[in-house]
Amino acid sequence: MFSGIIEKLGTVAALVSEPPGCRLVIEEPSIAASANVADSVAINGCCLTVIEKTPSTLTFQAGPETLQRTNLGALAVGSPVNLERALTVGDRLGGHFVSGHIDGQGELVQIENHGDWLDYYFAVPPALDKFLASKGSIAVDGVSLTLVDCQANRFSVALIPYTLKVTTLGNLQIGGKVNLETDILAKYVQRLLGR
């Protein structure tokens, strides 16, 4: 489990094809120093397992499902990524419960500028609409955010200057794809109502 509070920005150091998946090497010395092989780390919100480490890098394997469902398949060497280590018992929960299991991708379709603050509007797959509610939670590329305006097949979030500075969201452009994980509680409620 994660909280959606990004710890560091990492950089893709290498991408190695391993059909049908790939090996992903991420450079970020402070996270690498404290992580161990077999640890879970969220990369742009997607939970992956550390399979190798050096003093400055962590290596992961991503399979075809991960590459298809997430934006990790579009990464290139030098791409920045949001990183968060899994929660430990007793950690503060500053965001919301995030599993690291991506529901789908969204696309940035509109930006409203309010000086240093920005409102981002994302288009979402219709299947995710039922999990979105104003003032509810969503993880966007692993960042825990509060939903502001929820419409058919789209939602907005308000981003403070700090979030724009310390996550990949600050450099996101119109048309950019993001990983979305809807609130886990909404999924269980929907499942119960569906029965």
Protein backbone atom coordinates (compact mmCIF):
# COMPACT_ATOMS: atom_id res chain seq x y z
CA MET A 1 0.00 0.00 0.00
CA PHE A 2 1.01 3.58 -0.69
CA SER A 3 -0.27 7.00 0.33
CA GLY A 4 0.07 8.95 -2.91
CA ILE A 5 2.63 11.30 -1.36
CA ILE A 6 5.52 11.35 -3.83
CA GLU A 7 8.91 11.03 -2.15
CA LYS A 8 11.26 11.80 -5.03
CA LEU A 9 11.48 12.31 -8.77
CA GLY A 10 13.56 9.61 -10.38
CA THR A 11 14.99 9.38 -13.89
CA VAL A 12 14.78 6.48 -16.31
CA ALA A 13 18.42 5.38 -16.69
CA ALA A 14 17.81 2.41 -19.00
CA LEU A 15 15.06 0.45 -20.74
CA VAL A 16 15.95 -3.10 -21.74
CA SER A 17 13.62 -5.10 -23.93
CA GLU A 18 12.71 -8.49 -22.41
CA PRO A 19 9.86 -9.74 -24.60
CA PRO A 20 7.04 -9.73 -23.88
CA GLY A 21 7.97 -7.10 -21.26
CA CYS A 22 10.91 -4.90 -20.40
CA ARG A 23 13.42 -4.14 -17.68
CA LEU A 24 13.21 -0.63 -16.27
CA VAL A 25 16.19 0.96 -14.50
CA ILE A 26 15.41 4.06 -12.42
CA GLU A 27 18.07 6.36 -10.99
CA GLU A 28 17.43 8.07 -7.66
CA PRO A 29 20.22 7.62 -5.08
CA SER A 30 18.27 8.33 -1.86
CA ILE A 31 15.47 5.88 -2.69
CA ALA A 32 17.98 3.29 -3.95
CA ALA A 33 20.00 3.57 -0.73
CA SER A 34 17.01 2.70 1.45
CA ALA A 35 15.32 0.09 -0.77
CA ASN A 36 15.98 -3.62 -0.89
CA VAL A 37 15.50 -6.31 -3.51
CA ALA A 38 11.86 -7.55 -3.34
CA ASP A 39 10.57 -4.18 -2.04
CA SER A 40 7.53 -2.59 -3.67
CA VAL A 41 7.98 0.86 -5.18
CA ALA A 42 5.32 2.87 -7.00
CA ILE A 43 6.57 4.32 -10.28
CA ASN A 44 4.08 6.88 -11.59
CA GLY A 45 1.65 5.16 -9.25
CA CYS A 46 2.26 1.65 -10.59
CA CYS A 47 3.48 -0.83 -7.98
CA LEU A 48 6.56 -2.74 -9.17
CA THR A 49 9.04 -5.02 -7.40
CA VAL A 50 12.74 -4.20 -7.06
CA ILE A 51 14.70 -7.03 -8.69
CA GLU A 52 18.20 -5.48 -8.57
CA LYS A 53 19.82 -2.42 -7.04
CA THR A 54 23.02 -0.41 -7.11
CA PRO A 55 23.92 2.53 -4.85
CA SER A 56 22.05 4.88 -7.20
CA THR A 57 19.60 2.77 -9.22
CA LEU A 58 16.72 0.34 -8.84
CA THR A 59 15.76 -2.20 -11.49
CA PHE A 60 12.22 -3.47 -12.13
CA GLN A 61 10.52 -5.76 -14.65
CA ALA A 62 7.28 -4.67 -16.32
CA GLY A 63 5.12 -7.22 -18.12
CA PRO A 64 2.82 -6.70 -21.10
CA GLU A 65 -0.27 -5.96 -18.95
CA THR A 66 1.62 -3.22 -17.10
CA LEU A 67 3.03 -1.73 -20.29
CA GLN A 68 -0.40 -1.71 -21.96
CA ARG A 69 -2.46 -0.41 -19.02
CA THR A 70 -0.02 2.26 -17.80
CA ASN A 71 2.13 5.05 -19.22
CA LEU A 72 5.30 3.13 -18.32
CA GLY A 73 5.42 1.69 -21.83
CA ALA A 74 5.84 5.22 -23.23
CA LEU A 75 8.85 6.10 -21.06
CA ALA A 76 12.22 6.85 -22.63
CA VAL A 77 15.71 7.13 -21.19
CA GLY A 78 15.82 10.44 -19.33
CA SER A 79 12.08 10.52 -18.55
CA PRO A 80 11.25 11.72 -15.04
CA VAL A 81 9.07 9.47 -12.89
CA ASN A 82 7.27 9.86 -9.56
CA LEU A 83 8.58 7.51 -6.86
CA GLU A 84 7.06 6.35 -3.59
CA ARG A 85 8.18 3.47 -1.40
CA ALA A 86 5.51 1.25 0.16
CA LEU A 87 4.10 2.33 3.52
CA THR A 88 5.38 0.77 6.71
CA VAL A 89 3.33 0.25 9.86
CA GLY A 90 3.20 3.52 11.79
CA ASP A 91 3.79 5.81 8.76
CA ARG A 92 1.73 8.95 8.52
CA LEU A 93 -1.00 8.67 5.90
CA GLY A 94 -0.93 12.12 4.34
CA GLY A 95 -2.79 11.22 1.15
CA HIS A 96 -5.20 8.31 0.84
CA PHE A 97 -4.89 4.54 0.55
CA VAL A 98 -3.35 3.76 -2.84
CA SER A 99 -2.75 0.15 -3.93
CA GLY A 100 -0.48 0.81 -6.90
CA HIS A 101 -2.88 -1.08 -9.20
CA ILE A 102 -3.67 1.18 -12.15
CA ASP A 103 -7.28 1.27 -13.37
CA GLY A 104 -6.57 3.01 -16.67
CA GLN A 105 -5.02 6.04 -18.29
CA GLY A 106 -6.31 9.58 -18.46
CA GLU A 107 -5.39 12.34 -20.87
CA LEU A 108 -4.80 15.97 -19.95
CA VAL A 109 -7.29 17.93 -22.05
CA GLN A 110 -7.44 21.38 -20.43
CA ILE A 111 -5.38 23.60 -18.14
CA GLU A 112 -6.80 26.60 -16.31
CA ASN A 113 -4.11 28.95 -15.09
CA HIS A 114 -4.57 30.75 -11.76
CA GLY A 115 -1.10 32.25 -11.40
CA ASP A 116 1.11 29.72 -9.63
CA TRP A 117 -1.88 27.40 -9.18
CA LEU A 118 -3.28 25.28 -12.02
CA ASP A 119 -6.51 23.36 -12.56
CA TYR A 120 -6.00 20.28 -14.73
CA TYR A 121 -8.88 18.58 -16.55
CA PHE A 122 -8.44 14.94 -17.55
CA ALA A 123 -10.48 12.82 -19.96
CA VAL A 124 -11.07 9.33 -18.55
CA PRO A 125 -12.33 6.02 -19.91
CA PRO A 126 -16.12 5.72 -19.42
CA ALA A 127 -15.65 2.65 -17.19
CA LEU A 128 -13.98 4.83 -14.54
CA ASP A 129 -16.77 7.43 -14.32
CA LYS A 130 -18.72 5.51 -11.69
CA PHE A 131 -15.77 5.68 -9.27
CA LEU A 132 -15.37 9.48 -9.39
CA ALA A 133 -17.09 11.87 -6.99
CA SER A 134 -16.41 15.51 -6.22
CA LYS A 135 -14.24 15.82 -3.10
CA GLY A 136 -13.31 12.16 -3.41
CA SER A 137 -9.76 10.91 -3.96
CA ILE A 138 -7.83 9.83 -7.02
CA ALA A 139 -4.18 9.00 -7.68
CA VAL A 140 -2.84 10.65 -10.86
CA ASP A 141 0.58 9.23 -11.77
CA GLY A 142 0.73 8.16 -8.14
CA VAL A 143 -0.07 11.62 -6.73
CA SER A 144 -2.94 11.64 -4.22
CA LEU A 145 -5.35 14.37 -5.31
CA THR A 146 -8.84 15.58 -4.47
CA LEU A 147 -11.40 15.48 -7.26
CA VAL A 148 -12.92 18.92 -7.86
CA ASP A 149 -15.35 18.72 -10.77
CA CYS A 150 -16.60 15.37 -12.06
CA GLN A 151 -18.42 15.32 -15.40
CA ALA A 152 -19.15 12.61 -17.95
CA ASN A 153 -15.81 11.09 -18.93
CA ARG A 154 -13.71 13.84 -17.33
CA PHE A 155 -12.66 15.34 -14.01
CA SER A 156 -10.58 18.20 -12.69
CA VAL A 157 -8.05 18.61 -9.90
CA ALA A 158 -6.51 21.77 -8.42
CA LEU A 159 -2.72 21.68 -8.18
CA ILE A 160 -0.77 23.78 -5.72
CA PRO A 161 2.69 25.14 -6.62
CA TYR A 162 4.44 22.57 -4.40
CA THR A 163 2.83 19.61 -6.21
CA LEU A 164 3.68 21.14 -9.58
CA LYS A 165 7.31 21.52 -8.48
CA VAL A 166 8.00 18.12 -6.90
CA THR A 167 6.08 15.76 -9.22
CA THR A 168 5.95 15.02 -12.94
CA LEU A 169 2.59 16.82 -13.13
CA GLY A 170 4.33 20.20 -13.33
CA ASN A 171 5.71 19.40 -16.79
CA LEU A 172 2.63 17.64 -18.14
CA GLN A 173 1.36 19.05 -21.44
CA ILE A 174 -2.05 18.88 -23.13
CA GLY A 175 -2.42 15.38 -24.58
CA GLY A 176 -0.14 13.90 -21.92
CA LYS A 177 -1.17 10.48 -20.59
CA VAL A 178 -1.33 9.73 -16.87
CA ASN A 179 -1.92 6.63 -14.80
CA LEU A 180 -5.17 6.68 -12.84
CA GLU A 181 -6.08 4.73 -9.74
CA THR A 182 -9.55 5.45 -8.42
CA ASP A 183 -10.34 5.28 -4.72
CA ILE A 184 -10.30 1.71 -3.43
CA LEU A 185 -13.38 2.30 -1.25
CA ALA A 186 -15.38 3.45 -4.30
CA LYS A 187 -14.54 0.17 -6.04
CA TYR A 188 -15.83 -1.93 -3.16
CA VAL A 189 -19.00 0.14 -2.83
CA GLN A 190 -19.63 -0.19 -6.57
CA ARG A 191 -19.07 -3.95 -6.38
CA LEU A 192 -21.56 -4.30 -3.52
CA LEU A 193 -24.16 -2.14 -5.27
CA GLY A 194 -23.69 -4.16 -8.45
CA ARG A 195 -24.78 -7.29 -6.63
